[in-house]
Amino acid sequence: MENINEITDMGERAVYFKHHGSNCLQSVLRAYGDKISLTDDQIKALGAGFGAGMGGMEGTCGALVGAVMVKGMIDPSMNPMKAKVMVEEFKKESGAVRCRDLKGIDTGVMLCPCDQCIRNAVSILEK
């Protein structure tokens, strides 16, 4: 399926954007673009530094960061404890939260590919 308008599942929408020029964080934000009132240009700028887990795989998975950002923009009751729950659930589902660990850079064992990290982050966001 090549037409984004035909994709109704938010996780699959985000994966579509990942395969069409966006990093993981940007992909999650773009999937929710109409709900968070950001343009593609704003999303690209906001998410530019988060590709490959911010800092060249040293930081938190961009898909997870994007999910927490979106949650904060659409849920007025969002707070650090809710973010903590999202992080813990992502870690349980994906095996880690740091991009470097998810991709197995130090161990040679990939815990979760980007597409699945994106799906997991969106699934957690949707709960």
PDB file of N, CA and C in Angstrom:
ATOM      1  N   MET A   1       0.853  -1.174   0.000  1.00  0.00           N
ATOM      2  CA  MET A   1       0.000   0.000   0.000  1.00  0.00           C
ATOM      3  C   MET A   1       0.900   1.239   0.000  1.00  0.00           C
ATOM      4  N   GLU A   2       0.718   2.099  -0.959  1.00  0.00           N
ATOM      5  CA  GLU A   2       1.588   3.264  -1.089  1.00  0.00           C
ATOM      6  C   GLU A   2       0.895   4.589  -0.797  1.00  0.00           C
ATOM      7  N   ASN A   3      -0.390   4.595  -0.555  1.00  0.00           N
ATOM      8  CA  ASN A   3      -1.103   5.834  -0.285  1.00  0.00           C
ATOM      9  C   ASN A   3      -1.368   5.962   1.213  1.00  0.00           C
ATOM     10  N   ILE A   4      -0.760   6.957   1.831  1.00  0.00           N
ATOM     11  CA  ILE A   4      -0.897   7.146   3.278  1.00  0.00           C
ATOM     12  C   ILE A   4      -2.350   7.304   3.701  1.00  0.00           C
ATOM     13  N   ASN A   5      -3.185   7.860   2.850  1.00  0.00           N
ATOM     14  CA  ASN A   5      -4.587   8.074   3.192  1.00  0.00           C
ATOM     15  C   ASN A   5      -5.367   6.766   3.321  1.00  0.00           C
ATOM     16  N   GLU A   6      -4.811   5.671   2.798  1.00  0.00           N
ATOM     17  CA  GLU A   6      -5.464   4.370   2.893  1.00  0.00           C
ATOM     18  C   GLU A   6      -5.074   3.624   4.172  1.00  0.00           C
ATOM     19  N   ILE A   7      -4.081   4.119   4.901  1.00  0.00           N
ATOM     20  CA  ILE A   7      -3.596   3.435   6.094  1.00  0.00           C
ATOM     21  C   ILE A   7      -4.282   4.024   7.317  1.00  0.00           C
ATOM     22  N   THR A   8      -5.092   3.213   7.992  1.00  0.00           N
ATOM     23  CA  THR A   8      -5.846   3.707   9.141  1.00  0.00           C
ATOM     24  C   THR A   8      -5.174   3.368  10.470  1.00  0.00           C
ATOM     25  N   ASP A   9      -4.385   2.314  10.530  1.00  0.00           N
ATOM     26  CA  ASP A   9      -3.682   1.948  11.760  1.00  0.00           C
ATOM     27  C   ASP A   9      -2.556   2.948  12.006  1.00  0.00           C
ATOM     28  N   MET A  10      -2.550   3.569  13.178  1.00  0.00           N
ATOM     29  CA  MET A  10      -1.575   4.631  13.459  1.00  0.00           C
ATOM     30  C   MET A  10      -0.140   4.111  13.468  1.00  0.00           C
ATOM     31  N   GLY A  11       0.074   2.921  13.968  1.00  0.00           N
ATOM     32  CA  GLY A  11       1.417   2.346  13.960  1.00  0.00           C
ATOM     33  C   GLY A  11       1.921   2.138  12.545  1.00  0.00           C
ATOM     34  N   GLU A  12       1.055   1.640  11.680  1.00  0.00           N
ATOM     35  CA  GLU A  12       1.448   1.415  10.286  1.00  0.00           C
ATOM     36  C   GLU A  12       1.629   2.743   9.545  1.00  0.00           C
ATOM     37  N   ARG A  13       0.835   3.748   9.918  1.00  0.00           N
ATOM     38  CA  ARG A  13       1.041   5.088   9.331  1.00  0.00           C
ATOM     39  C   ARG A  13       2.440   5.590   9.684  1.00  0.00           C
ATOM     40  N   ALA A  14       2.811   5.433  10.955  1.00  0.00           N
ATOM     41  CA  ALA A  14       4.130   5.886  11.392  1.00  0.00           C
ATOM     42  C   ALA A  14       5.237   5.122  10.668  1.00  0.00           C
ATOM     43  N   VAL A  15       5.083   3.807  10.512  1.00  0.00           N
ATOM     44  CA  VAL A  15       6.079   3.011   9.784  1.00  0.00           C
ATOM     45  C   VAL A  15       6.169   3.484   8.332  1.00  0.00           C
ATOM     46  N   TYR A  16       5.045   3.804   7.735  1.00  0.00           N
ATOM     47  CA  TYR A  16       5.038   4.337   6.366  1.00  0.00           C
ATOM     48  C   TYR A  16       5.936   5.570   6.285  1.00  0.00           C
ATOM     49  N   PHE A  17       5.766   6.489   7.222  1.00  0.00           N
ATOM     50  CA  PHE A  17       6.581   7.707   7.201  1.00  0.00           C
ATOM     51  C   PHE A  17       8.059   7.385   7.399  1.00  0.00           C
ATOM     52  N   LYS A  18       8.368   6.368   8.206  1.00  0.00           N
ATOM     53  CA  LYS A  18       9.764   5.953   8.406  1.00  0.00           C
ATOM     54  C   LYS A  18      10.378   5.515   7.074  1.00  0.00           C
ATOM     55  N   HIS A  19       9.595   4.874   6.260  1.00  0.00           N
ATOM     56  CA  HIS A  19      10.078   4.381   4.966  1.00  0.00           C
ATOM     57  C   HIS A  19      10.001   5.444   3.870  1.00  0.00           C
ATOM     58  N   HIS A  20       9.533   6.620   4.237  1.00  0.00           N
ATOM     59  CA  HIS A  20       9.411   7.703   3.259  1.00  0.00           C
ATOM     60  C   HIS A  20      10.071   8.982   3.779  1.00  0.00           C
ATOM     61  N   GLY A  21      11.290   8.844   4.286  1.00  0.00           N
ATOM     62  CA  GLY A  21      12.128  10.003   4.555  1.00  0.00           C
ATOM     63  C   GLY A  21      12.147  10.581   5.954  1.00  0.00           C
ATOM     64  N   SER A  22      11.508   9.939   6.912  1.00  0.00           N
ATOM     65  CA  SER A  22      11.490  10.472   8.277  1.00  0.00           C
ATOM     66  C   SER A  22      12.260   9.548   9.214  1.00  0.00           C
ATOM     67  N   ASN A  23      12.859  10.131  10.265  1.00  0.00           N
ATOM     68  CA  ASN A  23      13.461   9.290  11.287  1.00  0.00           C
ATOM     69  C   ASN A  23      12.340   8.771  12.198  1.00  0.00           C
ATOM     70  N   CYS A  24      12.697   7.968  13.181  1.00  0.00           N
ATOM     71  CA  CYS A  24      11.671   7.321  14.015  1.00  0.00           C
ATOM     72  C   CYS A  24      10.804   8.324  14.771  1.00  0.00           C
ATOM     73  N   LEU A  25      11.429   9.336  15.366  1.00  0.00           N
ATOM     74  CA  LEU A  25      10.658  10.346  16.089  1.00  0.00           C
ATOM     75  C   LEU A  25       9.736  11.102  15.128  1.00  0.00           C
ATOM     76  N   GLN A  26      10.278  11.554  14.024  1.00  0.00           N
ATOM     77  CA  GLN A  26       9.475  12.284  13.047  1.00  0.00           C
ATOM     78  C   GLN A  26       8.312  11.430  12.541  1.00  0.00           C
ATOM     79  N   SER A  27       8.555  10.148  12.375  1.00  0.00           N
ATOM     80  CA  SER A  27       7.519   9.248  11.875  1.00  0.00           C
ATOM     81  C   SER A  27       6.316   9.194  12.812  1.00  0.00           C
ATOM     82  N   VAL A  28       6.588   9.092  14.102  1.00  0.00           N
ATOM     83  CA  VAL A  28       5.494   9.058  15.074  1.00  0.00           C
ATOM     84  C   VAL A  28       4.756  10.400  15.072  1.00  0.00           C
ATOM     85  N   LEU A  29       5.503  11.490  15.093  1.00  0.00           N
ATOM     86  CA  LEU A  29       4.855  12.808  15.077  1.00  0.00           C
ATOM     87  C   LEU A  29       4.035  13.007  13.807  1.00  0.00           C
ATOM     88  N   ARG A  30       4.575  12.593  12.667  1.00  0.00           N
ATOM     89  CA  ARG A  30       3.835  12.772  11.403  1.00  0.00           C
ATOM     90  C   ARG A  30       2.550  11.957  11.379  1.00  0.00           C
ATOM     91  N   ALA A  31       2.557  10.775  11.976  1.00  0.00           N
ATOM     92  CA  ALA A  31       1.343   9.959  12.015  1.00  0.00           C
ATOM     93  C   ALA A  31       0.221  10.682  12.760  1.00  0.00           C
ATOM     94  N   TYR A  32       0.608  11.515  13.727  1.00  0.00           N
ATOM     95  CA  TYR A  32      -0.364  12.252  14.536  1.00  0.00           C
ATOM     96  C   TYR A  32      -0.418  13.733  14.168  1.00  0.00           C
ATOM     97  N   GLY A  33       0.161  14.091  13.050  1.00  0.00           N
ATOM     98  CA  GLY A  33       0.267  15.496  12.648  1.00  0.00           C
ATOM     99  C   GLY A  33      -1.020  16.278  12.737  1.00  0.00           C
ATOM    100  N   ASP A  34      -2.134  15.681  12.317  1.00  0.00           N
ATOM    101  CA  ASP A  34      -3.408  16.404  12.352  1.00  0.00           C
ATOM    102  C   ASP A  34      -3.922  16.586  13.782  1.00  0.00           C
ATOM    103  N   LYS A  35      -3.523  15.717  14.694  1.00  0.00           N
ATOM    104  CA  LYS A  35      -3.986  15.804  16.084  1.00  0.00           C
ATOM    105  C   LYS A  35      -3.117  16.722  16.932  1.00  0.00           C
ATOM    106  N   ILE A  36      -1.884  16.973  16.489  1.00  0.00           N
ATOM    107  CA  ILE A  36      -0.976  17.798  17.286  1.00  0.00           C
ATOM    108  C   ILE A  36      -0.727  19.164  16.650  1.00  0.00           C
ATOM    109  N   SER A  37      -1.369  19.421  15.540  1.00  0.00           N
ATOM    110  CA  SER A  37      -1.324  20.736  14.878  1.00  0.00           C
ATOM    111  C   SER A  37       0.093  21.208  14.554  1.00  0.00           C
ATOM    112  N   LEU A  38       0.911  20.287  14.051  1.00  0.00           N
ATOM    113  CA  LEU A  38       2.240  20.648  13.571  1.00  0.00           C
ATOM    114  C   LEU A  38       2.331  20.335  12.088  1.00  0.00           C
ATOM    115  N   THR A  39       2.996  21.194  11.357  1.00  0.00           N
ATOM    116  CA  THR A  39       3.201  20.940   9.936  1.00  0.00           C
ATOM    117  C   THR A  39       4.358  19.960   9.755  1.00  0.00           C
ATOM    118  N   ASP A  40       4.464  19.387   8.575  1.00  0.00           N
ATOM    119  CA  ASP A  40       5.586  18.494   8.285  1.00  0.00           C
ATOM    120  C   ASP A  40       6.916  19.220   8.450  1.00  0.00           C
ATOM    121  N   ASP A  41       6.992  20.474   8.035  1.00  0.00           N
ATOM    122  CA  ASP A  41       8.231  21.229   8.190  1.00  0.00           C
ATOM    123  C   ASP A  41       8.581  21.416   9.661  1.00  0.00           C
ATOM    124  N   GLN A  42       7.601  21.700  10.502  1.00  0.00           N
ATOM    125  CA  GLN A  42       7.853  21.842  11.937  1.00  0.00           C
ATOM    126  C   GLN A  42       8.296  20.512  12.544  1.00  0.00           C
ATOM    127  N   ILE A  43       7.650  19.438  12.133  1.00  0.00           N
ATOM    128  CA  ILE A  43       8.008  18.108  12.634  1.00  0.00           C
ATOM    129  C   ILE A  43       9.426  17.740  12.212  1.00  0.00           C
ATOM    130  N   LYS A  44       9.763  18.014  10.960  1.00  0.00           N
ATOM    131  CA  LYS A  44      11.123  17.721  10.488  1.00  0.00           C
ATOM    132  C   LYS A  44      12.157  18.490  11.300  1.00  0.00           C
ATOM    133  N   ALA A  45      11.888  19.758  11.567  1.00  0.00           N
ATOM    134  CA  ALA A  45      12.827  20.571  12.337  1.00  0.00           C
ATOM    135  C   ALA A  45      12.907  20.097  13.789  1.00  0.00           C
ATOM    136  N   LEU A  46      11.769  19.871  14.403  1.00  0.00           N
ATOM    137  CA  LEU A  46      11.716  19.435  15.792  1.00  0.00           C
ATOM    138  C   LEU A  46      12.418  18.099  15.993  1.00  0.00           C
ATOM    139  N   GLY A  47      12.257  17.200  15.053  1.00  0.00           N
ATOM    140  CA  GLY A  47      12.800  15.857  15.203  1.00  0.00           C
ATOM    141  C   GLY A  47      14.154  15.619  14.579  1.00  0.00           C
ATOM    142  N   ALA A  48      14.746  16.634  13.986  1.00  0.00           N
ATOM    143  CA  ALA A  48      15.987  16.450  13.241  1.00  0.00           C
ATOM    144  C   ALA A  48      17.122  15.866  14.072  1.00  0.00           C
ATOM    145  N   GLY A  49      17.242  16.227  15.320  1.00  0.00           N
ATOM    146  CA  GLY A  49      18.344  15.766  16.147  1.00  0.00           C
ATOM    147  C   GLY A  49      18.115  14.423  16.822  1.00  0.00           C
ATOM    148  N   PHE A  50      16.967  13.805  16.548  1.00  0.00           N
ATOM    149  CA  PHE A  50      16.623  12.569  17.245  1.00  0.00           C
ATOM    150  C   PHE A  50      16.796  11.322  16.393  1.00  0.00           C
ATOM    151  N   GLY A  51      17.287  11.466  15.181  1.00  0.00           N
ATOM    152  CA  GLY A  51      17.521  10.296  14.347  1.00  0.00           C
ATOM    153  C   GLY A  51      18.573   9.409  14.974  1.00  0.00           C
ATOM    154  N   ALA A  52      18.407   8.118  14.867  1.00  0.00           N
ATOM    155  CA  ALA A  52      19.341   7.135  15.430  1.00  0.00           C
ATOM    156  C   ALA A  52      19.522   7.346  16.927  1.00  0.00           C
ATOM    157  N   GLY A  53      18.428   7.547  17.627  1.00  0.00           N
ATOM    158  CA  GLY A  53      18.482   7.616  19.089  1.00  0.00           C
ATOM    159  C   GLY A  53      19.256   8.783  19.632  1.00  0.00           C
ATOM    160  N   MET A  54      19.053   9.953  19.153  1.00  0.00           N
ATOM    161  CA  MET A  54      19.709  11.192  19.569  1.00  0.00           C
ATOM    162  C   MET A  54      21.174  10.982  19.954  1.00  0.00           C
ATOM    163  N   GLY A  55      22.003  11.690  19.287  1.00  0.00           N
ATOM    164  CA  GLY A  55      23.427  11.610  19.593  1.00  0.00           C
ATOM    165  C   GLY A  55      24.105  10.386  19.013  1.00  0.00           C
ATOM    166  N   GLY A  56      23.632   9.908  17.880  1.00  0.00           N
ATOM    167  CA  GLY A  56      24.270   8.767  17.237  1.00  0.00           C
ATOM    168  C   GLY A  56      24.092   7.474  18.009  1.00  0.00           C
ATOM    169  N   MET A  57      22.867   7.165  18.342  1.00  0.00           N
ATOM    170  CA  MET A  57      22.454   5.943  19.040  1.00  0.00           C
ATOM    171  C   MET A  57      22.767   5.948  20.529  1.00  0.00           C
ATOM    172  N   GLU A  58      23.120   7.072  21.073  1.00  0.00           N
ATOM    173  CA  GLU A  58      23.438   7.136  22.510  1.00  0.00           C
ATOM    174  C   GLU A  58      22.216   7.373  23.372  1.00  0.00           C
ATOM    175  N   GLY A  59      21.152   7.899  22.782  1.00  0.00           N
ATOM    176  CA  GLY A  59      20.001   8.283  23.577  1.00  0.00           C
ATOM    177  C   GLY A  59      18.796   7.381  23.395  1.00  0.00           C
ATOM    178  N   THR A  60      17.714   7.813  23.991  1.00  0.00           N
ATOM    179  CA  THR A  60      16.458   7.074  23.977  1.00  0.00           C
ATOM    180  C   THR A  60      15.922   6.947  22.554  1.00  0.00           C
ATOM    181  N   CYS A  61      15.316   5.821  22.282  1.00  0.00           N
ATOM    182  CA  CYS A  61      14.690   5.548  20.981  1.00  0.00           C
ATOM    183  C   CYS A  61      13.796   6.721  20.580  1.00  0.00           C
ATOM    184  N   GLY A  62      13.988   7.210  19.379  1.00  0.00           N
ATOM    185  CA  GLY A  62      13.205   8.335  18.883  1.00  0.00           C
ATOM    186  C   GLY A  62      11.718   8.054  18.825  1.00  0.00           C
ATOM    187  N   ALA A  63      11.343   6.821  18.500  1.00  0.00           N
ATOM    188  CA  ALA A  63       9.917   6.484  18.451  1.00  0.00           C
ATOM    189  C   ALA A  63       9.277   6.652  19.823  1.00  0.00           C
ATOM    190  N   LEU A  64       9.981   6.240  20.857  1.00  0.00           N
ATOM    191  CA  LEU A  64       9.469   6.397  22.221  1.00  0.00           C
ATOM    192  C   LEU A  64       9.400   7.869  22.611  1.00  0.00           C
ATOM    193  N   VAL A  65      10.432   8.626  22.288  1.00  0.00           N
ATOM    194  CA  VAL A  65      10.418  10.069  22.575  1.00  0.00           C
ATOM    195  C   VAL A  65       9.244  10.719  21.854  1.00  0.00           C
ATOM    196  N   GLY A  66       9.039  10.358  20.599  1.00  0.00           N
ATOM    197  CA  GLY A  66       7.920  10.906  19.836  1.00  0.00           C
ATOM    198  C   GLY A  66       6.583  10.563  20.456  1.00  0.00           C
ATOM    199  N   ALA A  67       6.429   9.326  20.923  1.00  0.00           N
ATOM    200  CA  ALA A  67       5.170   8.921  21.555  1.00  0.00           C
ATOM    201  C   ALA A  67       4.905   9.719  22.823  1.00  0.00           C
ATOM    202  N   VAL A  68       5.938   9.948  23.624  1.00  0.00           N
ATOM    203  CA  VAL A  68       5.768  10.749  24.840  1.00  0.00           C
ATOM    204  C   VAL A  68       5.426  12.192  24.475  1.00  0.00           C
ATOM    205  N   MET A  69       6.066  12.724  23.447  1.00  0.00           N
ATOM    206  CA  MET A  69       5.751  14.092  22.993  1.00  0.00           C
ATOM    207  C   MET A  69       4.294  14.203  22.558  1.00  0.00           C
ATOM    208  N   VAL A  70       3.848  13.261  21.728  1.00  0.00           N
ATOM    209  CA  VAL A  70       2.468  13.298  21.239  1.00  0.00           C
ATOM    210  C   VAL A  70       1.497  13.182  22.410  1.00  0.00           C
ATOM    211  N   LYS A  71       1.774  12.263  23.331  1.00  0.00           N
ATOM    212  CA  LYS A  71       0.891  12.098  24.489  1.00  0.00           C
ATOM    213  C   LYS A  71       0.753  13.413  25.250  1.00  0.00           C
ATOM    214  N   GLY A  72       1.878  14.114  25.424  1.00  0.00           N
ATOM    215  CA  GLY A  72       1.835  15.395  26.106  1.00  0.00           C
ATOM    216  C   GLY A  72       1.027  16.442  25.370  1.00  0.00           C
ATOM    217  N   MET A  73       1.012  16.354  24.054  1.00  0.00           N
ATOM    218  CA  MET A  73       0.274  17.339  23.264  1.00  0.00           C
ATOM    219  C   MET A  73      -1.219  17.044  23.187  1.00  0.00           C
ATOM    220  N   ILE A  74      -1.610  15.773  23.345  1.00  0.00           N
ATOM    221  CA  ILE A  74      -3.030  15.442  23.198  1.00  0.00           C
ATOM    222  C   ILE A  74      -3.724  15.101  24.519  1.00  0.00           C
ATOM    223  N   ASP A  75      -2.942  14.912  25.579  1.00  0.00           N
ATOM    224  CA  ASP A  75      -3.518  14.538  26.877  1.00  0.00           C
ATOM    225  C   ASP A  75      -3.125  15.580  27.920  1.00  0.00           C
ATOM    226  N   PRO A  76      -4.057  16.453  28.303  1.00  0.00           N
ATOM    227  CA  PRO A  76      -3.736  17.505  29.270  1.00  0.00           C
ATOM    228  C   PRO A  76      -3.327  16.978  30.643  1.00  0.00           C
ATOM    229  N   SER A  77      -3.605  15.713  30.925  1.00  0.00           N
ATOM    230  CA  SER A  77      -3.223  15.162  32.226  1.00  0.00           C
ATOM    231  C   SER A  77      -1.844  14.483  32.189  1.00  0.00           C
ATOM    232  N   MET A  78      -1.131  14.613  31.082  1.00  0.00           N
ATOM    233  CA  MET A  78       0.192  13.994  30.964  1.00  0.00           C
ATOM    234  C   MET A  78       1.122  14.557  32.029  1.00  0.00           C
ATOM    235  N   ASN A  79       1.945  13.680  32.615  1.00  0.00           N
ATOM    236  CA  ASN A  79       2.900  14.089  33.637  1.00  0.00           C
ATOM    237  C   ASN A  79       4.082  13.127  33.613  1.00  0.00           C
ATOM    238  N   PRO A  80       5.138  13.405  34.380  1.00  0.00           N
ATOM    239  CA  PRO A  80       6.312  12.533  34.356  1.00  0.00           C
ATOM    240  C   PRO A  80       6.031  11.082  34.758  1.00  0.00           C
ATOM    241  N   MET A  81       5.095  10.860  35.640  1.00  0.00           N
ATOM    242  CA  MET A  81       4.791   9.484  36.045  1.00  0.00           C
ATOM    243  C   MET A  81       4.126   8.711  34.899  1.00  0.00           C
ATOM    244  N   LYS A  82       3.283   9.367  34.134  1.00  0.00           N
ATOM    245  CA  LYS A  82       2.683   8.712  32.968  1.00  0.00           C
ATOM    246  C   LYS A  82       3.753   8.418  31.924  1.00  0.00           C
ATOM    247  N   ALA A  83       4.697   9.330  31.773  1.00  0.00           N
ATOM    248  CA  ALA A  83       5.810   9.092  30.850  1.00  0.00           C
ATOM    249  C   ALA A  83       6.634   7.900  31.327  1.00  0.00           C
ATOM    250  N   LYS A  84       6.840   7.802  32.631  1.00  0.00           N
ATOM    251  CA  LYS A  84       7.604   6.681  33.193  1.00  0.00           C
ATOM    252  C   LYS A  84       6.912   5.357  32.866  1.00  0.00           C
ATOM    253  N   VAL A  85       5.606   5.321  32.983  1.00  0.00           N
ATOM    254  CA  VAL A  85       4.850   4.106  32.661  1.00  0.00           C
ATOM    255  C   VAL A  85       5.047   3.753  31.183  1.00  0.00           C
ATOM    256  N   MET A  86       5.001   4.756  30.322  1.00  0.00           N
ATOM    257  CA  MET A  86       5.208   4.517  28.893  1.00  0.00           C
ATOM    258  C   MET A  86       6.609   3.957  28.640  1.00  0.00           C
ATOM    259  N   VAL A  87       7.615   4.532  29.293  1.00  0.00           N
ATOM    260  CA  VAL A  87       9.000   4.070  29.128  1.00  0.00           C
ATOM    261  C   VAL A  87       9.135   2.624  29.608  1.00  0.00           C
ATOM    262  N   GLU A  88       8.570   2.329  30.752  1.00  0.00           N
ATOM    263  CA  GLU A  88       8.664   0.969  31.295  1.00  0.00           C
ATOM    264  C   GLU A  88       7.969  -0.044  30.391  1.00  0.00           C
ATOM    265  N   GLU A  89       6.815   0.324  29.866  1.00  0.00           N
ATOM    266  CA  GLU A  89       6.098  -0.580  28.974  1.00  0.00           C
ATOM    267  C   GLU A  89       6.872  -0.772  27.661  1.00  0.00           C
ATOM    268  N   PHE A  90       7.449   0.306  27.151  1.00  0.00           N
ATOM    269  CA  PHE A  90       8.249   0.188  25.926  1.00  0.00           C
ATOM    270  C   PHE A  90       9.435  -0.748  26.161  1.00  0.00           C
ATOM    271  N   LYS A  91      10.091  -0.592  27.299  1.00  0.00           N
ATOM    272  CA  LYS A  91      11.240  -1.443  27.614  1.00  0.00           C
ATOM    273  C   LYS A  91      10.812  -2.909  27.696  1.00  0.00           C
ATOM    274  N   LYS A  92       9.670  -3.158  28.303  1.00  0.00           N
ATOM    275  CA  LYS A  92       9.146  -4.521  28.403  1.00  0.00           C
ATOM    276  C   LYS A  92       8.860  -5.099  27.020  1.00  0.00           C
ATOM    277  N   GLU A  93       8.252  -4.308  26.156  1.00  0.00           N
ATOM    278  CA  GLU A  93       7.878  -4.776  24.818  1.00  0.00           C
ATOM    279  C   GLU A  93       9.075  -4.896  23.873  1.00  0.00           C
ATOM    280  N   SER A  94      10.009  -3.970  23.980  1.00  0.00           N
ATOM    281  CA  SER A  94      11.094  -3.870  22.995  1.00  0.00           C
ATOM    282  C   SER A  94      12.430  -4.415  23.487  1.00  0.00           C
ATOM    283  N   GLY A  95      12.603  -4.534  24.790  1.00  0.00           N
ATOM    284  CA  GLY A  95      13.835  -5.073  25.344  1.00  0.00           C
ATOM    285  C   GLY A  95      14.816  -4.048  25.871  1.00  0.00           C
ATOM    286  N   ALA A  96      14.621  -2.784  25.553  1.00  0.00           N
ATOM    287  CA  ALA A  96      15.500  -1.692  25.983  1.00  0.00           C
ATOM    288  C   ALA A  96      14.833  -0.381  25.585  1.00  0.00           C
ATOM    289  N   VAL A  97      15.432   0.731  25.990  1.00  0.00           N
ATOM    290  CA  VAL A  97      14.929   2.032  25.546  1.00  0.00           C
ATOM    291  C   VAL A  97      15.984   2.814  24.769  1.00  0.00           C
ATOM    292  N   ARG A  98      17.249   2.497  24.964  1.00  0.00           N
ATOM    293  CA  ARG A  98      18.317   3.211  24.267  1.00  0.00           C
ATOM    294  C   ARG A  98      18.512   2.601  22.884  1.00  0.00           C
ATOM    295  N   CYS A  99      18.573   3.444  21.880  1.00  0.00           N
ATOM    296  CA  CYS A  99      18.693   2.990  20.501  1.00  0.00           C
ATOM    297  C   CYS A  99      19.869   2.021  20.334  1.00  0.00           C
ATOM    298  N   ARG A 100      21.001   2.354  20.879  1.00  0.00           N
ATOM    299  CA  ARG A 100      22.202   1.523  20.762  1.00  0.00           C
ATOM    300  C   ARG A 100      21.947   0.098  21.270  1.00  0.00           C
ATOM    301  N   ASP A 101      21.213  -0.014  22.375  1.00  0.00           N
ATOM    302  CA  ASP A 101      20.890  -1.322  22.945  1.00  0.00           C
ATOM    303  C   ASP A 101      19.856  -2.053  22.096  1.00  0.00           C
ATOM    304  N   LEU A 102      18.860  -1.318  21.628  1.00  0.00           N
ATOM    305  CA  LEU A 102      17.826  -1.917  20.776  1.00  0.00           C
ATOM    306  C   LEU A 102      18.416  -2.507  19.507  1.00  0.00           C
ATOM    307  N   LYS A 103      19.416  -1.835  18.962  1.00  0.00           N
ATOM    308  CA  LYS A 103      20.030  -2.277  17.704  1.00  0.00           C
ATOM    309  C   LYS A 103      21.181  -3.257  17.921  1.00  0.00           C
ATOM    310  N   GLY A 104      21.543  -3.522  19.174  1.00  0.00           N
ATOM    311  CA  GLY A 104      22.579  -4.502  19.479  1.00  0.00           C
ATOM    312  C   GLY A 104      23.974  -4.090  19.046  1.00  0.00           C
ATOM    313  N   ILE A 105      24.256  -2.809  19.082  1.00  0.00           N
ATOM    314  CA  ILE A 105      25.559  -2.310  18.641  1.00  0.00           C
ATOM    315  C   ILE A 105      26.704  -2.934  19.445  1.00  0.00           C
ATOM    316  N   ASP A 106      26.540  -3.057  20.733  1.00  0.00           N
ATOM    317  CA  ASP A 106      27.608  -3.592  21.576  1.00  0.00           C
ATOM    318  C   ASP A 106      27.559  -5.111  21.727  1.00  0.00           C
ATOM    319  N   THR A 107      26.383  -5.694  21.518  1.00  0.00           N
ATOM    320  CA  THR A 107      26.226  -7.133  21.755  1.00  0.00           C
ATOM    321  C   THR A 107      26.143  -7.963  20.480  1.00  0.00           C
ATOM    322  N   GLY A 108      25.818  -7.296  19.367  1.00  0.00           N
ATOM    323  CA  GLY A 108      25.609  -8.033  18.120  1.00  0.00           C
ATOM    324  C   GLY A 108      24.239  -8.691  18.041  1.00  0.00           C
ATOM    325  N   VAL A 109      23.390  -8.438  19.036  1.00  0.00           N
ATOM    326  CA  VAL A 109      22.054  -9.028  19.066  1.00  0.00           C
ATOM    327  C   VAL A 109      21.019  -7.908  19.022  1.00  0.00           C
ATOM    328  N   MET A 110      20.334  -7.784  17.887  1.00  0.00           N
ATOM    329  CA  MET A 110      19.288  -6.770  17.773  1.00  0.00           C
ATOM    330  C   MET A 110      18.083  -7.198  18.603  1.00  0.00           C
ATOM    331  N   LEU A 111      17.653  -6.319  19.484  1.00  0.00           N
ATOM    332  CA  LEU A 111      16.495  -6.599  20.320  1.00  0.00           C
ATOM    333  C   LEU A 111      15.184  -6.257  19.622  1.00  0.00           C
ATOM    334  N   CYS A 112      15.206  -5.187  18.826  1.00  0.00           N
ATOM    335  CA  CYS A 112      13.962  -4.734  18.203  1.00  0.00           C
ATOM    336  C   CYS A 112      14.299  -3.834  17.012  1.00  0.00           C
ATOM    337  N   PRO A 113      13.859  -4.205  15.812  1.00  0.00           N
ATOM    338  CA  PRO A 113      14.103  -3.342  14.653  1.00  0.00           C
ATOM    339  C   PRO A 113      13.263  -2.062  14.721  1.00  0.00           C
ATOM    340  N   CYS A 114      13.692  -1.048  14.003  1.00  0.00           N
ATOM    341  CA  CYS A 114      13.015   0.258  14.049  1.00  0.00           C
ATOM    342  C   CYS A 114      11.511   0.165  13.794  1.00  0.00           C
ATOM    343  N   ASP A 115      11.113  -0.571  12.767  1.00  0.00           N
ATOM    344  CA  ASP A 115       9.678  -0.648  12.462  1.00  0.00           C
ATOM    345  C   ASP A 115       8.884  -1.151  13.661  1.00  0.00           C
ATOM    346  N   GLN A 116       9.414  -2.158  14.356  1.00  0.00           N
ATOM    347  CA  GLN A 116       8.694  -2.689  15.506  1.00  0.00           C
ATOM    348  C   GLN A 116       8.754  -1.732  16.689  1.00  0.00           C
ATOM    349  N   CYS A 117       9.869  -1.034  16.856  1.00  0.00           N
ATOM    350  CA  CYS A 117       9.945  -0.010  17.909  1.00  0.00           C
ATOM    351  C   CYS A 117       8.882   1.057  17.683  1.00  0.00           C
ATOM    352  N   ILE A 118       8.710   1.454  16.443  1.00  0.00           N
ATOM    353  CA  ILE A 118       7.690   2.449  16.101  1.00  0.00           C
ATOM    354  C   ILE A 118       6.309   1.908  16.442  1.00  0.00           C
ATOM    355  N   ARG A 119       6.021   0.683  16.019  1.00  0.00           N
ATOM    356  CA  ARG A 119       4.725   0.083  16.327  1.00  0.00           C
ATOM    357  C   ARG A 119       4.503  -0.017  17.837  1.00  0.00           C
ATOM    358  N   ASN A 120       5.535  -0.431  18.560  1.00  0.00           N
ATOM    359  CA  ASN A 120       5.399  -0.561  20.022  1.00  0.00           C
ATOM    360  C   ASN A 120       5.132   0.797  20.665  1.00  0.00           C
ATOM    361  N   ALA A 121       5.868   1.824  20.242  1.00  0.00           N
ATOM    362  CA  ALA A 121       5.692   3.164  20.805  1.00  0.00           C
ATOM    363  C   ALA A 121       4.282   3.681  20.545  1.00  0.00           C
ATOM    364  N   VAL A 122       3.783   3.500  19.330  1.00  0.00           N
ATOM    365  CA  VAL A 122       2.436   3.968  18.999  1.00  0.00           C
ATOM    366  C   VAL A 122       1.376   3.170  19.762  1.00  0.00           C
ATOM    367  N   SER A 123       1.582   1.874  19.896  1.00  0.00           N
ATOM    368  CA  SER A 123       0.643   1.060  20.652  1.00  0.00           C
ATOM    369  C   SER A 123       0.543   1.533  22.097  1.00  0.00           C
ATOM    370  N   ILE A 124       1.678   1.837  22.691  1.00  0.00           N
ATOM    371  CA  ILE A 124       1.700   2.342  24.068  1.00  0.00           C
ATOM    372  C   ILE A 124       1.024   3.714  24.146  1.00  0.00           C
ATOM    373  N   LEU A 125       1.277   4.548  23.182  1.00  0.00           N
ATOM    374  CA  LEU A 125       0.636   5.864  23.116  1.00  0.00           C
ATOM    375  C   LEU A 125      -0.882   5.737  23.026  1.00  0.00           C
ATOM    376  N   GLU A 126      -1.340   4.776  22.277  1.00  0.00           N
ATOM    377  CA  GLU A 126      -2.774   4.600  22.045  1.00  0.00           C
ATOM    378  C   GLU A 126      -3.510   4.082  23.277  1.00  0.00           C
ATOM    379  N   LYS A 127      -2.791   3.526  24.253  1.00  0.00           N
ATOM    380  CA  LYS A 127      -3.446   2.960  25.447  1.00  0.00           C
ATOM    381  C   LYS A 127      -3.966   4.049  26.365  1.00  0.00           C
TER     382      LYS A 127
END
